[in-house]
């Protein structure tokens, strides 16, 4: 599938093309900057998705990181619970 060439800003250089109030949280609440190097195809896909959602690429990336951390946290907690249940006797003996 050939995509038309579109001149888009790079992902790691935020360019506010919407009102500052709408995207202000991205810059105002930022504690740390994380430069993100993406392969050209991935950067293009991110920019396309952001455009379709009427968001900045950085907003889409932050949403994705939050979702990933939430999902992985749930997965790790469920594994830890299962391991604790499977080895409850051993853990009890070690605690004595």
PDB file of N, CA and C in Angstrom:
ATOM      1  N   UNK A   1       0.843  -1.174   0.000  1.00  0.00           N
ATOM      2  CA  UNK A   1       0.000   0.000   0.000  1.00  0.00           C
ATOM      3  C   UNK A   1       0.886   1.235   0.000  1.00  0.00           C
ATOM      4  N   UNK A   2       0.773   2.044  -1.010  1.00  0.00           N
ATOM      5  CA  UNK A   2       1.562   3.263  -1.090  1.00  0.00           C
ATOM      6  C   UNK A   2       0.838   4.390  -0.381  1.00  0.00           C
ATOM      7  N   UNK A   3       1.556   5.007   0.528  1.00  0.00           N
ATOM      8  CA  UNK A   3       0.990   6.139   1.250  1.00  0.00           C
ATOM      9  C   UNK A   3       1.510   7.421   0.629  1.00  0.00           C
ATOM     10  N   UNK A   4       0.669   8.424   0.558  1.00  0.00           N
ATOM     11  CA  UNK A   4       1.163   9.702   0.044  1.00  0.00           C
ATOM     12  C   UNK A   4       2.179  10.280   1.021  1.00  0.00           C
ATOM     13  N   UNK A   5       3.175  10.931   0.489  1.00  0.00           N
ATOM     14  CA  UNK A   5       4.182  11.551   1.327  1.00  0.00           C
ATOM     15  C   UNK A   5       3.599  12.806   1.958  1.00  0.00           C
ATOM     16  N   UNK A   6       3.693  12.855   3.283  1.00  0.00           N
ATOM     17  CA  UNK A   6       3.166  13.998   4.022  1.00  0.00           C
ATOM     18  C   UNK A   6       4.298  14.563   4.853  1.00  0.00           C
ATOM     19  N   UNK A   7       4.448  15.862   4.833  1.00  0.00           N
ATOM     20  CA  UNK A   7       5.478  16.507   5.633  1.00  0.00           C
ATOM     21  C   UNK A   7       4.969  16.614   7.062  1.00  0.00           C
ATOM     22  N   UNK A   8       5.530  15.794   7.961  1.00  0.00           N
ATOM     23  CA  UNK A   8       5.094  15.778   9.357  1.00  0.00           C
ATOM     24  C   UNK A   8       6.276  16.121  10.254  1.00  0.00           C
ATOM     25  N   UNK A   9       5.986  16.686  11.428  1.00  0.00           N
ATOM     26  CA  UNK A   9       7.071  16.953  12.372  1.00  0.00           C
ATOM     27  C   UNK A   9       7.622  15.639  12.915  1.00  0.00           C
ATOM     28  N   UNK A  10       8.885  15.638  13.322  1.00  0.00           N
ATOM     29  CA  UNK A  10       9.461  14.434  13.901  1.00  0.00           C
ATOM     30  C   UNK A  10       8.821  14.180  15.250  1.00  0.00           C
ATOM     31  N   UNK A  11       8.787  12.920  15.647  1.00  0.00           N
ATOM     32  CA  UNK A  11       8.100  12.540  16.873  1.00  0.00           C
ATOM     33  C   UNK A  11       8.808  13.067  18.107  1.00  0.00           C
ATOM     34  N   UNK A  12      10.136  13.095  18.095  1.00  0.00           N
ATOM     35  CA  UNK A  12      10.846  13.499  19.301  1.00  0.00           C
ATOM     36  C   UNK A  12      11.031  15.008  19.431  1.00  0.00           C
ATOM     37  N   UNK A  13      10.417  15.780  18.571  1.00  0.00           N
ATOM     38  CA  UNK A  13      10.453  17.233  18.678  1.00  0.00           C
ATOM     39  C   UNK A  13       9.027  17.744  18.732  1.00  0.00           C
ATOM     40  N   UNK A  14       8.489  17.948  19.939  1.00  0.00           N
ATOM     41  CA  UNK A  14       7.102  18.357  20.045  1.00  0.00           C
ATOM     42  C   UNK A  14       6.832  19.671  19.329  1.00  0.00           C
ATOM     43  N   UNK A  15       5.823  19.653  18.509  1.00  0.00           N
ATOM     44  CA  UNK A  15       5.359  20.855  17.831  1.00  0.00           C
ATOM     45  C   UNK A  15       3.882  20.984  18.152  1.00  0.00           C
ATOM     46  N   UNK A  16       3.528  22.003  18.871  1.00  0.00           N
ATOM     47  CA  UNK A  16       2.132  22.176  19.240  1.00  0.00           C
ATOM     48  C   UNK A  16       1.409  22.781  18.060  1.00  0.00           C
ATOM     49  N   UNK A  17       0.546  21.979  17.441  1.00  0.00           N
ATOM     50  CA  UNK A  17      -0.220  22.479  16.315  1.00  0.00           C
ATOM     51  C   UNK A  17      -1.680  22.645  16.692  1.00  0.00           C
ATOM     52  N   UNK A  18      -1.973  22.467  17.968  1.00  0.00           N
ATOM     53  CA  UNK A  18      -3.310  22.712  18.491  1.00  0.00           C
ATOM     54  C   UNK A  18      -3.171  23.736  19.597  1.00  0.00           C
ATOM     55  N   UNK A  19      -4.268  24.090  20.204  1.00  0.00           N
ATOM     56  CA  UNK A  19      -4.189  25.120  21.238  1.00  0.00           C
ATOM     57  C   UNK A  19      -3.318  24.641  22.383  1.00  0.00           C
ATOM     58  N   UNK A  20      -2.549  25.531  22.948  1.00  0.00           N
ATOM     59  CA  UNK A  20      -1.664  25.189  24.054  1.00  0.00           C
ATOM     60  C   UNK A  20      -2.471  24.696  25.244  1.00  0.00           C
ATOM     61  N   UNK A  21      -3.652  25.229  25.442  1.00  0.00           N
ATOM     62  CA  UNK A  21      -4.487  24.797  26.561  1.00  0.00           C
ATOM     63  C   UNK A  21      -4.863  23.328  26.428  1.00  0.00           C
ATOM     64  N   UNK A  22      -5.147  22.877  25.221  1.00  0.00           N
ATOM     65  CA  UNK A  22      -5.572  21.494  25.012  1.00  0.00           C
ATOM     66  C   UNK A  22      -4.437  20.515  25.263  1.00  0.00           C
ATOM     67  N   UNK A  23      -3.227  20.849  24.881  1.00  0.00           N
ATOM     68  CA  UNK A  23      -2.092  19.939  25.036  1.00  0.00           C
ATOM     69  C   UNK A  23      -1.136  20.413  26.117  1.00  0.00           C
ATOM     70  N   UNK A  24      -1.520  21.421  26.869  1.00  0.00           N
ATOM     71  CA  UNK A  24      -0.627  22.002  27.866  1.00  0.00           C
ATOM     72  C   UNK A  24      -0.149  21.025  28.911  1.00  0.00           C
ATOM     73  N   UNK A  25      -0.995  20.062  29.297  1.00  0.00           N
ATOM     74  CA  UNK A  25      -0.600  19.086  30.316  1.00  0.00           C
ATOM     75  C   UNK A  25       0.646  18.343  29.911  1.00  0.00           C
ATOM     76  N   UNK A  26       0.818  18.137  28.611  1.00  0.00           N
ATOM     77  CA  UNK A  26       1.950  17.363  28.120  1.00  0.00           C
ATOM     78  C   UNK A  26       3.269  18.038  28.470  1.00  0.00           C
ATOM     79  N   UNK A  27       3.284  19.339  28.458  1.00  0.00           N
ATOM     80  CA  UNK A  27       4.514  20.087  28.713  1.00  0.00           C
ATOM     81  C   UNK A  27       4.563  20.612  30.142  1.00  0.00           C
ATOM     82  N   UNK A  28       3.436  21.071  30.648  1.00  0.00           N
ATOM     83  CA  UNK A  28       3.380  21.671  31.979  1.00  0.00           C
ATOM     84  C   UNK A  28       3.644  20.629  33.058  1.00  0.00           C
ATOM     85  N   UNK A  29       3.067  19.437  32.921  1.00  0.00           N
ATOM     86  CA  UNK A  29       3.177  18.417  33.949  1.00  0.00           C
ATOM     87  C   UNK A  29       4.357  17.475  33.734  1.00  0.00           C
ATOM     88  N   UNK A  30       5.118  17.695  32.683  1.00  0.00           N
ATOM     89  CA  UNK A  30       6.236  16.799  32.389  1.00  0.00           C
ATOM     90  C   UNK A  30       7.307  16.933  33.462  1.00  0.00           C
ATOM     91  N   UNK A  31       7.702  15.810  34.000  1.00  0.00           N
ATOM     92  CA  UNK A  31       8.755  15.784  35.001  1.00  0.00           C
ATOM     93  C   UNK A  31      10.073  15.450  34.330  1.00  0.00           C
ATOM     94  N   UNK A  32      10.028  14.532  33.409  1.00  0.00           N
ATOM     95  CA  UNK A  32      11.222  14.080  32.719  1.00  0.00           C
ATOM     96  C   UNK A  32      10.956  13.991  31.231  1.00  0.00           C
ATOM     97  N   UNK A  33      11.950  14.332  30.467  1.00  0.00           N
ATOM     98  CA  UNK A  33      11.839  14.182  29.020  1.00  0.00           C
ATOM     99  C   UNK A  33      12.496  12.871  28.635  1.00  0.00           C
ATOM    100  N   UNK A  34      11.840  12.142  27.741  1.00  0.00           N
ATOM    101  CA  UNK A  34      12.361  10.862  27.286  1.00  0.00           C
ATOM    102  C   UNK A  34      12.440  10.894  25.771  1.00  0.00           C
ATOM    103  N   UNK A  35      13.623  11.172  25.230  1.00  0.00           N
ATOM    104  CA  UNK A  35      13.743  11.146  23.772  1.00  0.00           C
ATOM    105  C   UNK A  35      13.420   9.737  23.274  1.00  0.00           C
ATOM    106  N   UNK A  36      12.618   9.656  22.256  1.00  0.00           N
ATOM    107  CA  UNK A  36      12.163   8.370  21.750  1.00  0.00           C
ATOM    108  C   UNK A  36      12.565   8.255  20.292  1.00  0.00           C
ATOM    109  N   UNK A  37      13.481   7.353  20.007  1.00  0.00           N
ATOM    110  CA  UNK A  37      13.928   7.146  18.626  1.00  0.00           C
ATOM    111  C   UNK A  37      13.110   6.020  18.021  1.00  0.00           C
ATOM    112  N   UNK A  38      12.427   6.333  16.954  1.00  0.00           N
ATOM    113  CA  UNK A  38      11.562   5.357  16.297  1.00  0.00           C
ATOM    114  C   UNK A  38      12.024   5.124  14.873  1.00  0.00           C
ATOM    115  N   UNK A  39      11.842   3.911  14.411  1.00  0.00           N
ATOM    116  CA  UNK A  39      12.092   3.615  13.001  1.00  0.00           C
ATOM    117  C   UNK A  39      11.132   4.475  12.177  1.00  0.00           C
ATOM    118  N   UNK A  40      11.550   4.873  10.984  1.00  0.00           N
ATOM    119  CA  UNK A  40      10.706   5.765  10.177  1.00  0.00           C
ATOM    120  C   UNK A  40       9.272   5.266   9.992  1.00  0.00           C
ATOM    121  N   UNK A  41       9.098   3.974   9.754  1.00  0.00           N
ATOM    122  CA  UNK A  41       7.751   3.438   9.567  1.00  0.00           C
ATOM    123  C   UNK A  41       6.906   3.549  10.823  1.00  0.00           C
ATOM    124  N   UNK A  42       7.523   3.277  11.970  1.00  0.00           N
ATOM    125  CA  UNK A  42       6.809   3.371  13.239  1.00  0.00           C
ATOM    126  C   UNK A  42       6.464   4.826  13.554  1.00  0.00           C
ATOM    127  N   UNK A  43       7.394   5.724  13.284  1.00  0.00           N
ATOM    128  CA  UNK A  43       7.132   7.152  13.499  1.00  0.00           C
ATOM    129  C   UNK A  43       5.991   7.627  12.604  1.00  0.00           C
ATOM    130  N   UNK A  44       5.970   7.149  11.380  1.00  0.00           N
ATOM    131  CA  UNK A  44       4.903   7.511  10.437  1.00  0.00           C
ATOM    132  C   UNK A  44       3.554   6.983  10.929  1.00  0.00           C
ATOM    133  N   UNK A  45       3.553   5.730  11.389  1.00  0.00           N
ATOM    134  CA  UNK A  45       2.316   5.140  11.912  1.00  0.00           C
ATOM    135  C   UNK A  45       1.822   5.901  13.141  1.00  0.00           C
ATOM    136  N   UNK A  46       2.744   6.283  14.009  1.00  0.00           N
ATOM    137  CA  UNK A  46       2.378   7.053  15.199  1.00  0.00           C
ATOM    138  C   UNK A  46       1.789   8.401  14.805  1.00  0.00           C
ATOM    139  N   UNK A  47       2.430   9.066  13.864  1.00  0.00           N
ATOM    140  CA  UNK A  47       1.929  10.363  13.401  1.00  0.00           C
ATOM    141  C   UNK A  47       0.555  10.218  12.751  1.00  0.00           C
ATOM    142  N   UNK A  48       0.355   9.153  11.977  1.00  0.00           N
ATOM    143  CA  UNK A  48      -0.948   8.913  11.340  1.00  0.00           C
ATOM    144  C   UNK A  48      -2.036   8.670  12.381  1.00  0.00           C
ATOM    145  N   UNK A  49      -1.726   7.848  13.382  1.00  0.00           N
ATOM    146  CA  UNK A  49      -2.705   7.568  14.429  1.00  0.00           C
ATOM    147  C   UNK A  49      -3.029   8.835  15.215  1.00  0.00           C
ATOM    148  N   UNK A  50      -1.995   9.600  15.540  1.00  0.00           N
ATOM    149  CA  UNK A  50      -2.216  10.853  16.265  1.00  0.00           C
ATOM    150  C   UNK A  50      -3.094  11.793  15.455  1.00  0.00           C
ATOM    151  N   UNK A  51      -2.839  11.875  14.171  1.00  0.00           N
ATOM    152  CA  UNK A  51      -3.638  12.730  13.297  1.00  0.00           C
ATOM    153  C   UNK A  51      -5.091  12.257  13.272  1.00  0.00           C
ATOM    154  N   UNK A  52      -5.290  10.962  13.181  1.00  0.00           N
ATOM    155  CA  UNK A  52      -6.651  10.410  13.148  1.00  0.00           C
ATOM    156  C   UNK A  52      -7.386  10.656  14.463  1.00  0.00           C
ATOM    157  N   UNK A  53      -6.654  10.680  15.566  1.00  0.00           N
ATOM    158  CA  UNK A  53      -7.265  10.898  16.884  1.00  0.00           C
ATOM    159  C   UNK A  53      -7.280  12.369  17.268  1.00  0.00           C
ATOM    160  N   UNK A  54      -6.773  13.233  16.382  1.00  0.00           N
ATOM    161  CA  UNK A  54      -6.669  14.672  16.650  1.00  0.00           C
ATOM    162  C   UNK A  54      -5.867  14.924  17.927  1.00  0.00           C
ATOM    163  N   UNK A  55      -4.736  14.231  18.016  1.00  0.00           N
ATOM    164  CA  UNK A  55      -3.830  14.374  19.144  1.00  0.00           C
ATOM    165  C   UNK A  55      -2.419  14.574  18.621  1.00  0.00           C
ATOM    166  N   UNK A  56      -1.550  14.968  19.522  1.00  0.00           N
ATOM    167  CA  UNK A  56      -0.132  15.030  19.195  1.00  0.00           C
ATOM    168  C   UNK A  56       0.449  13.622  19.293  1.00  0.00           C
ATOM    169  N   UNK A  57       1.484  13.317  18.517  1.00  0.00           N
ATOM    170  CA  UNK A  57       2.124  12.002  18.640  1.00  0.00           C
ATOM    171  C   UNK A  57       2.584  11.724  20.074  1.00  0.00           C
ATOM    172  N   UNK A  58       3.038  12.753  20.760  1.00  0.00           N
ATOM    173  CA  UNK A  58       3.490  12.583  22.142  1.00  0.00           C
ATOM    174  C   UNK A  58       2.344  12.153  23.050  1.00  0.00           C
ATOM    175  N   UNK A  59       1.147  12.675  22.807  1.00  0.00           N
ATOM    176  CA  UNK A  59      -0.012  12.288  23.615  1.00  0.00           C
ATOM    177  C   UNK A  59      -0.353  10.814  23.402  1.00  0.00           C
ATOM    178  N   UNK A  60      -0.308  10.379  22.158  1.00  0.00           N
ATOM    179  CA  UNK A  60      -0.590   8.973  21.847  1.00  0.00           C
ATOM    180  C   UNK A  60       0.462   8.082  22.503  1.00  0.00           C
ATOM    181  N   UNK A  61       1.728   8.493  22.452  1.00  0.00           N
ATOM    182  CA  UNK A  61       2.808   7.704  23.058  1.00  0.00           C
ATOM    183  C   UNK A  61       2.640   7.619  24.574  1.00  0.00           C
ATOM    184  N   UNK A  62       2.289   8.732  25.218  1.00  0.00           N
ATOM    185  CA  UNK A  62       2.077   8.726  26.672  1.00  0.00           C
ATOM    186  C   UNK A  62       0.917   7.796  27.026  1.00  0.00           C
ATOM    187  N   UNK A  63      -0.172   7.866  26.260  1.00  0.00           N
ATOM    188  CA  UNK A  63      -1.308   6.960  26.495  1.00  0.00           C
ATOM    189  C   UNK A  63      -0.874   5.504  26.369  1.00  0.00           C
ATOM    190  N   UNK A  64      -0.073   5.203  25.355  1.00  0.00           N
ATOM    191  CA  UNK A  64       0.383   3.827  25.132  1.00  0.00           C
ATOM    192  C   UNK A  64       1.272   3.347  26.277  1.00  0.00           C
ATOM    193  N   UNK A  65       2.154   4.206  26.764  1.00  0.00           N
ATOM    194  CA  UNK A  65       3.034   3.830  27.875  1.00  0.00           C
ATOM    195  C   UNK A  65       2.203   3.577  29.128  1.00  0.00           C
ATOM    196  N   UNK A  66       1.249   4.458  29.409  1.00  0.00           N
ATOM    197  CA  UNK A  66       0.380   4.263  30.581  1.00  0.00           C
ATOM    198  C   UNK A  66      -0.376   2.939  30.493  1.00  0.00           C
ATOM    199  N   UNK A  67      -0.937   2.663  29.324  1.00  0.00           N
ATOM    200  CA  UNK A  67      -1.703   1.431  29.129  1.00  0.00           C
ATOM    201  C   UNK A  67      -0.787   0.203  29.307  1.00  0.00           C
ATOM    202  N   UNK A  68       0.408   0.266  28.740  1.00  0.00           N
ATOM    203  CA  UNK A  68       1.354  -0.844  28.856  1.00  0.00           C
ATOM    204  C   UNK A  68       1.740  -1.079  30.318  1.00  0.00           C
ATOM    205  N   UNK A  69       2.066  -0.014  31.036  1.00  0.00           N
ATOM    206  CA  UNK A  69       2.458  -0.153  32.436  1.00  0.00           C
ATOM    207  C   UNK A  69       1.315  -0.709  33.280  1.00  0.00           C
ATOM    208  N   UNK A  70       0.097  -0.255  33.022  1.00  0.00           N
ATOM    209  CA  UNK A  70      -1.064  -0.772  33.750  1.00  0.00           C
ATOM    210  C   UNK A  70      -1.242  -2.267  33.478  1.00  0.00           C
ATOM    211  N   UNK A  71      -1.221  -2.639  32.197  1.00  0.00           N
ATOM    212  CA  UNK A  71      -1.434  -4.039  31.820  1.00  0.00           C
ATOM    213  C   UNK A  71      -0.320  -4.944  32.341  1.00  0.00           C
ATOM    214  N   UNK A  72       0.920  -4.505  32.217  1.00  0.00           N
ATOM    215  CA  UNK A  72       2.049  -5.310  32.709  1.00  0.00           C
ATOM    216  C   UNK A  72       2.012  -5.419  34.224  1.00  0.00           C
ATOM    217  N   UNK A  73       1.641  -4.328  34.901  1.00  0.00           N
ATOM    218  CA  UNK A  73       1.518  -4.360  36.361  1.00  0.00           C
ATOM    219  C   UNK A  73       0.491  -5.383  36.801  1.00  0.00           C
ATOM    220  N   UNK A  74      -0.662  -5.409  36.124  1.00  0.00           N
ATOM    221  CA  UNK A  74      -1.700  -6.394  36.439  1.00  0.00           C
ATOM    222  C   UNK A  74      -1.186  -7.815  36.197  1.00  0.00           C
ATOM    223  N   UNK A  75      -0.473  -8.003  35.105  1.00  0.00           N
ATOM    224  CA  UNK A  75       0.059  -9.326  34.769  1.00  0.00           C
ATOM    225  C   UNK A  75       1.062  -9.791  35.830  1.00  0.00           C
ATOM    226  N   UNK A  76       1.979  -8.922  36.210  1.00  0.00           N
ATOM    227  CA  UNK A  76       3.000  -9.276  37.202  1.00  0.00           C
ATOM    228  C   UNK A  76       2.351  -9.556  38.556  1.00  0.00           C
ATOM    229  N   UNK A  77       1.360  -8.740  38.938  1.00  0.00           N
ATOM    230  CA  UNK A  77       0.676  -8.982  40.211  1.00  0.00           C
ATOM    231  C   UNK A  77      -0.052 -10.329  40.207  1.00  0.00           C
ATOM    232  N   UNK A  78      -0.673 -10.671  39.080  1.00  0.00           N
ATOM    233  CA  UNK A  78      -1.376 -11.959  39.020  1.00  0.00           C
ATOM    234  C   UNK A  78      -0.385 -13.121  39.087  1.00  0.00           C
ATOM    235  N   UNK A  79       0.770 -12.970  38.443  1.00  0.00           N
ATOM    236  CA  UNK A  79       1.804 -14.017  38.535  1.00  0.00           C
ATOM    237  C   UNK A  79       2.316 -14.151  39.964  1.00  0.00           C
ATOM    238  N   UNK A  80       2.559 -13.030  40.621  1.00  0.00           N
ATOM    239  CA  UNK A  80       3.058 -13.055  41.995  1.00  0.00           C
ATOM    240  C   UNK A  80       2.035 -13.710  42.922  1.00  0.00           C
ATOM    241  N   UNK A  81       0.762 -13.397  42.721  1.00  0.00           N
ATOM    242  CA  UNK A  81      -0.295 -14.007  43.538  1.00  0.00           C
ATOM    243  C   UNK A  81      -0.334 -15.511  43.319  1.00  0.00           C
ATOM    244  N   UNK A  82      -0.271 -15.920  42.061  1.00  0.00           N
ATOM    245  CA  UNK A  82      -0.301 -17.355  41.748  1.00  0.00           C
ATOM    246  C   UNK A  82       0.895 -18.073  42.362  1.00  0.00           C
ATOM    247  N   UNK A  83       2.088 -17.477  42.232  1.00  0.00           N
ATOM    248  CA  UNK A  83       3.290 -18.094  42.811  1.00  0.00           C
ATOM    249  C   UNK A  83       3.187 -18.178  44.330  1.00  0.00           C
ATOM    250  N   UNK A  84       2.672 -17.119  44.952  1.00  0.00           N
ATOM    251  CA  UNK A  84       2.521 -17.123  46.410  1.00  0.00           C
ATOM    252  C   UNK A  84       1.547 -18.214  46.843  1.00  0.00           C
ATOM    253  N   UNK A  85       0.454 -18.387  46.089  1.00  0.00           N
ATOM    254  CA  UNK A  85      -0.523 -19.433  46.418  1.00  0.00           C
ATOM    255  C   UNK A  85       0.070 -20.821  46.186  1.00  0.00           C
ATOM    256  N   UNK A  86       0.779 -20.994  45.072  1.00  0.00           N
ATOM    257  CA  UNK A  86       1.369 -22.296  44.746  1.00  0.00           C
ATOM    258  C   UNK A  86       2.425 -22.725  45.763  1.00  0.00           C
ATOM    259  N   UNK A  87       3.100 -21.755  46.354  1.00  0.00           N
ATOM    260  CA  UNK A  87       4.205 -22.057  47.265  1.00  0.00           C
ATOM    261  C   UNK A  87       3.931 -21.548  48.675  1.00  0.00           C
ATOM    262  N   UNK A  88       2.659 -21.493  49.053  1.00  0.00           N
ATOM    263  CA  UNK A  88       2.282 -20.962  50.370  1.00  0.00           C
ATOM    264  C   UNK A  88       2.952 -21.731  51.502  1.00  0.00           C
ATOM    265  N   UNK A  89       2.985 -23.057  51.395  1.00  0.00           N
ATOM    266  CA  UNK A  89       3.606 -23.869  52.448  1.00  0.00           C
ATOM    267  C   UNK A  89       5.080 -23.554  52.611  1.00  0.00           C
ATOM    268  N   UNK A  90       5.786 -23.480  51.513  1.00  0.00           N
ATOM    269  CA  UNK A  90       7.216 -23.165  51.554  1.00  0.00           C
ATOM    270  C   UNK A  90       7.443 -21.773  52.136  1.00  0.00           C
ATOM    271  N   UNK A  91       6.665 -20.809  51.699  1.00  0.00           N
ATOM    272  CA  UNK A  91       6.813 -19.444  52.209  1.00  0.00           C
ATOM    273  C   UNK A  91       6.530 -19.393  53.709  1.00  0.00           C
ATOM    274  N   UNK A  92       5.547 -20.168  54.154  1.00  0.00           N
ATOM    275  CA  UNK A  92       5.227 -20.215  55.581  1.00  0.00           C
ATOM    276  C   UNK A  92       6.406 -20.801  56.366  1.00  0.00           C
ATOM    277  N   UNK A  93       6.976 -21.896  55.848  1.00  0.00           N
ATOM    278  CA  UNK A  93       8.119 -22.525  56.536  1.00  0.00           C
ATOM    279  C   UNK A  93       9.328 -21.596  56.566  1.00  0.00           C
ATOM    280  N   UNK A  94       9.563 -20.868  55.487  1.00  0.00           N
ATOM    281  CA  UNK A  94      10.697 -19.931  55.449  1.00  0.00           C
ATOM    282  C   UNK A  94      10.504 -18.788  56.440  1.00  0.00           C
ATOM    283  N   UNK A  95       9.256 -18.433  56.701  1.00  0.00           N
ATOM    284  CA  UNK A  95       8.965 -17.339  57.627  1.00  0.00           C
ATOM    285  C   UNK A  95       9.062 -17.743  59.085  1.00  0.00           C
ATOM    286  N   UNK A  96       9.196 -19.033  59.370  1.00  0.00           N
ATOM    287  CA  UNK A  96       9.262 -19.502  60.769  1.00  0.00           C
ATOM    288  C   UNK A  96      10.634 -19.335  61.354  1.00  0.00           C
TER     289      UNK A  96
END
